[in-house]
Amino acid sequence: MLKTPITTLAFIFLFIHCKNDPQQKVKEAPIGFKKEAVLSIINNENRDVATFDIELASSPYERQTGLMYRETMKENQGMLFVFEAAAPRSFYMKNTLIPLDLIFLNANLEIISIQKNSIPKSMDPIPSNGDAQYVLEIIGGQSDALQITPGMKIKYTVL
């Protein structure tokens, strides 16, 4: 009569079972754009300068994640960060793969500053240079191409 410890049998069973299971590969799905609002930038003559489809980042998790891990974004897309109150803001580009223009707005939806062509993956702070309650991120270089300047305002409609 053979006496085999239960632990040895369990090890053999697990070894055979794991050996026969094919390794499953996890597929990474690209993060897609989700249109949640439409935003217009309005010049001092009350005319629309540009219109964007935007995602909203209004929860702490959404604001922390932002546009991280996005490989592309269309010229008519952006993300609007919505905070509870106006305060000095500072962003960084960790895990952000595309250059962005960051447009900082006060509580009255007026542009107070623009930080252009952020460097992807940079940990350098990008300051608001004033109290901002909203931050609009668009593709880097668009604020110049569309002649967006401080003093302009935005309006947006949630879908």
C-alpha atoms as a PDB file:
ATOM      1  CA  MET A   1       0.000   0.000   0.000  1.00  0.00           C
ATOM      2  CA  LEU A   2       1.462   3.352  -1.132  1.00  0.00           C
ATOM      3  CA  LYS A   3       1.053   6.383   1.074  1.00  0.00           C
ATOM      4  CA  THR A   4       1.250   9.665  -0.818  1.00  0.00           C
ATOM      5  CA  PRO A   5       0.817  12.865   1.094  1.00  0.00           C
ATOM      6  CA  ILE A   6      -2.188  14.903   0.015  1.00  0.00           C
ATOM      7  CA  THR A   7       0.012  17.933  -0.623  1.00  0.00           C
ATOM      8  CA  THR A   8       2.024  16.016  -3.211  1.00  0.00           C
ATOM      9  CA  LEU A   9      -1.141  14.945  -4.997  1.00  0.00           C
ATOM     10  CA  ALA A  10      -2.458  18.513  -4.932  1.00  0.00           C
ATOM     11  CA  PHE A  11       0.820  19.803  -6.392  1.00  0.00           C
ATOM     12  CA  ILE A  12       0.751  17.219  -9.201  1.00  0.00           C
ATOM     13  CA  PHE A  13      -2.885  18.057  -9.983  1.00  0.00           C
ATOM     14  CA  LEU A  14      -2.172  21.813 -10.130  1.00  0.00           C
ATOM     15  CA  PHE A  15       0.940  21.275 -12.245  1.00  0.00           C
ATOM     16  CA  ILE A  16      -0.925  19.155 -14.790  1.00  0.00           C
ATOM     17  CA  HIS A  17      -3.957  21.460 -14.773  1.00  0.00           C
ATOM     18  CA  CYS A  18      -1.912  24.649 -15.284  1.00  0.00           C
ATOM     19  CA  LYS A  19       0.241  23.001 -17.935  1.00  0.00           C
ATOM     20  CA  ASN A  20      -2.814  22.084 -20.023  1.00  0.00           C
ATOM     21  CA  ASP A  21      -4.468  25.518 -19.809  1.00  0.00           C
ATOM     22  CA  PRO A  22      -3.482  27.810 -22.677  1.00  0.00           C
ATOM     23  CA  GLN A  23      -2.385  31.206 -21.476  1.00  0.00           C
ATOM     24  CA  GLN A  24      -4.998  33.806 -22.111  1.00  0.00           C
ATOM     25  CA  LYS A  25      -3.777  37.114 -23.465  1.00  0.00           C
ATOM     26  CA  VAL A  26      -5.514  40.245 -22.315  1.00  0.00           C
ATOM     27  CA  LYS A  27      -6.364  42.567 -25.177  1.00  0.00           C
ATOM     28  CA  GLU A  28      -6.116  46.257 -24.468  1.00  0.00           C
ATOM     29  CA  ALA A  29      -9.056  48.207 -25.816  1.00  0.00           C
ATOM     30  CA  PRO A  30      -8.396  51.773 -26.914  1.00  0.00           C
ATOM     31  CA  ILE A  31     -10.197  54.403 -24.891  1.00  0.00           C
ATOM     32  CA  GLY A  32     -12.930  55.833 -27.045  1.00  0.00           C
ATOM     33  CA  PHE A  33     -14.403  59.297 -27.199  1.00  0.00           C
ATOM     34  CA  LYS A  34     -17.819  59.772 -25.611  1.00  0.00           C
ATOM     35  CA  LYS A  35     -19.650  62.924 -26.718  1.00  0.00           C
ATOM     36  CA  GLU A  36     -21.386  64.355 -23.648  1.00  0.00           C
ATOM     37  CA  ALA A  37     -21.746  68.026 -24.559  1.00  0.00           C
ATOM     38  CA  VAL A  38     -21.270  70.613 -27.281  1.00  0.00           C
ATOM     39  CA  LEU A  39     -19.086  73.628 -26.515  1.00  0.00           C
ATOM     40  CA  SER A  40     -18.672  76.913 -28.395  1.00  0.00           C
ATOM     41  CA  ILE A  41     -15.934  79.480 -27.963  1.00  0.00           C
ATOM     42  CA  ILE A  42     -17.286  83.001 -28.346  1.00  0.00           C
ATOM     43  CA  ASN A  43     -15.203  86.053 -29.236  1.00  0.00           C
ATOM     44  CA  ASN A  44     -15.642  89.591 -27.852  1.00  0.00           C
ATOM     45  CA  GLU A  45     -18.123  90.366 -30.637  1.00  0.00           C
ATOM     46  CA  ASN A  46     -20.368  87.524 -29.408  1.00  0.00           C
ATOM     47  CA  ARG A  47     -19.593  85.345 -32.455  1.00  0.00           C
ATOM     48  CA  ASP A  48     -18.680  81.669 -32.377  1.00  0.00           C
ATOM     49  CA  VAL A  49     -14.983  81.132 -33.077  1.00  0.00           C
ATOM     50  CA  ALA A  50     -15.127  77.328 -32.823  1.00  0.00           C
ATOM     51  CA  THR A  51     -17.414  74.485 -31.784  1.00  0.00           C
ATOM     52  CA  PHE A  52     -16.267  71.259 -30.130  1.00  0.00           C
ATOM     53  CA  ASP A  53     -17.817  67.945 -29.178  1.00  0.00           C
ATOM     54  CA  ILE A  54     -16.631  67.359 -25.648  1.00  0.00           C
ATOM     55  CA  GLU A  55     -16.414  64.854 -22.878  1.00  0.00           C
ATOM     56  CA  LEU A  56     -17.008  66.120 -19.373  1.00  0.00           C
ATOM     57  CA  ALA A  57     -14.648  65.445 -16.485  1.00  0.00           C
ATOM     58  CA  SER A  58     -16.671  66.407 -13.433  1.00  0.00           C
ATOM     59  CA  SER A  59     -15.987  63.658 -10.880  1.00  0.00           C
ATOM     60  CA  PRO A  60     -12.663  63.394  -9.044  1.00  0.00           C
ATOM     61  CA  TYR A  61     -11.799  60.198 -10.961  1.00  0.00           C
ATOM     62  CA  GLU A  62     -12.646  61.730 -14.348  1.00  0.00           C
ATOM     63  CA  ARG A  63     -10.625  64.847 -13.551  1.00  0.00           C
ATOM     64  CA  GLN A  64      -7.638  62.784 -12.405  1.00  0.00           C
ATOM     65  CA  THR A  65      -7.710  60.537 -15.485  1.00  0.00           C
ATOM     66  CA  GLY A  66      -8.575  63.179 -18.093  1.00  0.00           C
ATOM     67  CA  LEU A  67      -7.240  62.333 -21.543  1.00  0.00           C
ATOM     68  CA  MET A  68      -4.602  59.886 -20.313  1.00  0.00           C
ATOM     69  CA  TYR A  69      -3.813  56.934 -22.570  1.00  0.00           C
ATOM     70  CA  ARG A  70      -5.608  58.438 -25.584  1.00  0.00           C
ATOM     71  CA  GLU A  71      -3.632  57.910 -28.752  1.00  0.00           C
ATOM     72  CA  THR A  72      -5.660  60.252 -30.938  1.00  0.00           C
ATOM     73  CA  MET A  73      -8.295  62.936 -30.759  1.00  0.00           C
ATOM     74  CA  LYS A  74     -10.111  64.690 -33.575  1.00  0.00           C
ATOM     75  CA  GLU A  75      -9.784  68.430 -34.130  1.00  0.00           C
ATOM     76  CA  ASN A  76     -13.417  69.003 -33.193  1.00  0.00           C
ATOM     77  CA  GLN A  77     -13.118  67.112 -29.898  1.00  0.00           C
ATOM     78  CA  GLY A  78     -12.005  68.079 -26.435  1.00  0.00           C
ATOM     79  CA  MET A  79     -12.518  67.545 -22.730  1.00  0.00           C
ATOM     80  CA  LEU A  80     -13.989  70.052 -20.292  1.00  0.00           C
ATOM     81  CA  PHE A  81     -12.937  69.718 -16.657  1.00  0.00           C
ATOM     82  CA  VAL A  82     -15.601  71.063 -14.323  1.00  0.00           C
ATOM     83  CA  PHE A  83     -14.664  71.913 -10.730  1.00  0.00           C
ATOM     84  CA  GLU A  84     -16.942  72.892  -7.838  1.00  0.00           C
ATOM     85  CA  ALA A  85     -15.302  76.290  -7.378  1.00  0.00           C
ATOM     86  CA  ALA A  86     -12.689  78.563  -8.904  1.00  0.00           C
ATOM     87  CA  ALA A  87      -9.159  78.104  -7.535  1.00  0.00           C
ATOM     88  CA  PRO A  88      -5.585  78.037  -8.791  1.00  0.00           C
ATOM     89  CA  ARG A  89      -5.208  74.875 -10.900  1.00  0.00           C
ATOM     90  CA  SER A  90      -2.192  72.894 -12.018  1.00  0.00           C
ATOM     91  CA  PHE A  91      -2.180  69.998 -14.465  1.00  0.00           C
ATOM     92  CA  TYR A  92       0.513  67.616 -15.693  1.00  0.00           C
ATOM     93  CA  MET A  93       0.733  65.315 -18.708  1.00  0.00           C
ATOM     94  CA  LYS A  94       1.665  62.001 -17.090  1.00  0.00           C
ATOM     95  CA  ASN A  95       0.356  59.181 -19.311  1.00  0.00           C
ATOM     96  CA  THR A  96      -1.054  61.712 -21.782  1.00  0.00           C
ATOM     97  CA  LEU A  97       0.155  60.727 -25.231  1.00  0.00           C
ATOM     98  CA  ILE A  98      -0.850  63.711 -27.369  1.00  0.00           C
ATOM     99  CA  PRO A  99       0.127  67.395 -27.043  1.00  0.00           C
ATOM    100  CA  LEU A 100      -2.721  69.534 -25.774  1.00  0.00           C
ATOM    101  CA  ASP A 101      -3.656  73.181 -25.354  1.00  0.00           C
ATOM    102  CA  LEU A 102      -5.072  73.794 -21.878  1.00  0.00           C
ATOM    103  CA  ILE A 103      -7.552  76.656 -21.744  1.00  0.00           C
ATOM    104  CA  PHE A 104      -8.283  77.850 -18.201  1.00  0.00           C
ATOM    105  CA  LEU A 105     -11.603  79.578 -17.500  1.00  0.00           C
ATOM    106  CA  ASN A 106     -12.990  81.414 -14.481  1.00  0.00           C
ATOM    107  CA  ALA A 107     -16.402  80.914 -12.856  1.00  0.00           C
ATOM    108  CA  ASN A 108     -17.985  83.166 -15.518  1.00  0.00           C
ATOM    109  CA  LEU A 109     -16.744  80.866 -18.335  1.00  0.00           C
ATOM    110  CA  GLU A 110     -14.214  83.491 -19.449  1.00  0.00           C
ATOM    111  CA  ILE A 111     -10.767  82.405 -20.640  1.00  0.00           C
ATOM    112  CA  ILE A 112      -8.137  83.600 -18.163  1.00  0.00           C
ATOM    113  CA  SER A 113      -5.082  81.849 -19.630  1.00  0.00           C
ATOM    114  CA  ILE A 114      -3.965  79.349 -22.240  1.00  0.00           C
ATOM    115  CA  GLN A 115      -1.060  76.936 -21.901  1.00  0.00           C
ATOM    116  CA  LYS A 116      -0.157  75.795 -25.410  1.00  0.00           C
ATOM    117  CA  ASN A 117       1.318  72.584 -26.800  1.00  0.00           C
ATOM    118  CA  SER A 118       1.860  70.669 -23.584  1.00  0.00           C
ATOM    119  CA  ILE A 119       4.583  68.046 -23.742  1.00  0.00           C
ATOM    120  CA  PRO A 120       3.209  64.479 -23.704  1.00  0.00           C
ATOM    121  CA  LYS A 121       4.127  62.432 -20.616  1.00  0.00           C
ATOM    122  CA  SER A 122       5.702  65.446 -18.889  1.00  0.00           C
ATOM    123  CA  MET A 123       5.422  65.766 -15.121  1.00  0.00           C
ATOM    124  CA  ASP A 124       6.104  69.517 -15.252  1.00  0.00           C
ATOM    125  CA  PRO A 125       3.239  71.550 -13.743  1.00  0.00           C
ATOM    126  CA  ILE A 126       0.957  73.454 -16.111  1.00  0.00           C
ATOM    127  CA  PRO A 127      -0.525  76.305 -14.024  1.00  0.00           C
ATOM    128  CA  SER A 128      -3.757  78.208 -14.570  1.00  0.00           C
ATOM    129  CA  ASN A 129      -2.178  81.582 -13.706  1.00  0.00           C
ATOM    130  CA  GLY A 130      -5.356  82.576 -11.879  1.00  0.00           C
ATOM    131  CA  ASP A 131      -8.476  81.108 -10.319  1.00  0.00           C
ATOM    132  CA  ALA A 132     -10.015  78.594 -12.744  1.00  0.00           C
ATOM    133  CA  GLN A 133     -13.248  76.651 -12.337  1.00  0.00           C
ATOM    134  CA  TYR A 134     -13.135  75.086 -15.809  1.00  0.00           C
ATOM    135  CA  VAL A 135     -10.335  73.761 -17.991  1.00  0.00           C
ATOM    136  CA  LEU A 136     -10.782  72.911 -21.660  1.00  0.00           C
ATOM    137  CA  GLU A 137      -8.274  70.567 -23.281  1.00  0.00           C
ATOM    138  CA  ILE A 138      -8.015  70.544 -27.076  1.00  0.00           C
ATOM    139  CA  ILE A 139      -5.376  69.321 -29.510  1.00  0.00           C
ATOM    140  CA  GLY A 140      -2.104  71.215 -29.195  1.00  0.00           C
ATOM    141  CA  GLY A 141      -1.819  74.181 -31.538  1.00  0.00           C
ATOM    142  CA  GLN A 142      -5.546  74.642 -32.058  1.00  0.00           C
ATOM    143  CA  SER A 143      -5.826  77.704 -29.837  1.00  0.00           C
ATOM    144  CA  ASP A 144      -3.369  79.499 -32.142  1.00  0.00           C
ATOM    145  CA  ALA A 145      -4.965  78.148 -35.330  1.00  0.00           C
ATOM    146  CA  LEU A 146      -8.415  79.294 -34.184  1.00  0.00           C
ATOM    147  CA  GLN A 147      -7.080  82.548 -32.672  1.00  0.00           C
ATOM    148  CA  ILE A 148      -8.490  81.742 -29.247  1.00  0.00           C
ATOM    149  CA  THR A 149      -7.356  84.344 -26.707  1.00  0.00           C
ATOM    150  CA  PRO A 150      -7.887  85.267 -23.056  1.00  0.00           C
ATOM    151  CA  GLY A 151     -11.034  87.305 -22.579  1.00  0.00           C
ATOM    152  CA  MET A 152     -13.124  85.102 -24.881  1.00  0.00           C
ATOM    153  CA  LYS A 153     -15.879  83.017 -23.319  1.00  0.00           C
ATOM    154  CA  ILE A 154     -17.367  79.588 -23.765  1.00  0.00           C
ATOM    155  CA  LYS A 155     -20.869  78.212 -23.596  1.00  0.00           C
ATOM    156  CA  TYR A 156     -21.724  74.556 -23.506  1.00  0.00           C
ATOM    157  CA  THR A 157     -24.799  72.351 -23.608  1.00  0.00           C
ATOM    158  CA  VAL A 158     -24.857  68.950 -21.931  1.00  0.00           C
ATOM    159  CA  LEU A 159     -26.526  66.293 -24.072  1.00  0.00           C
END
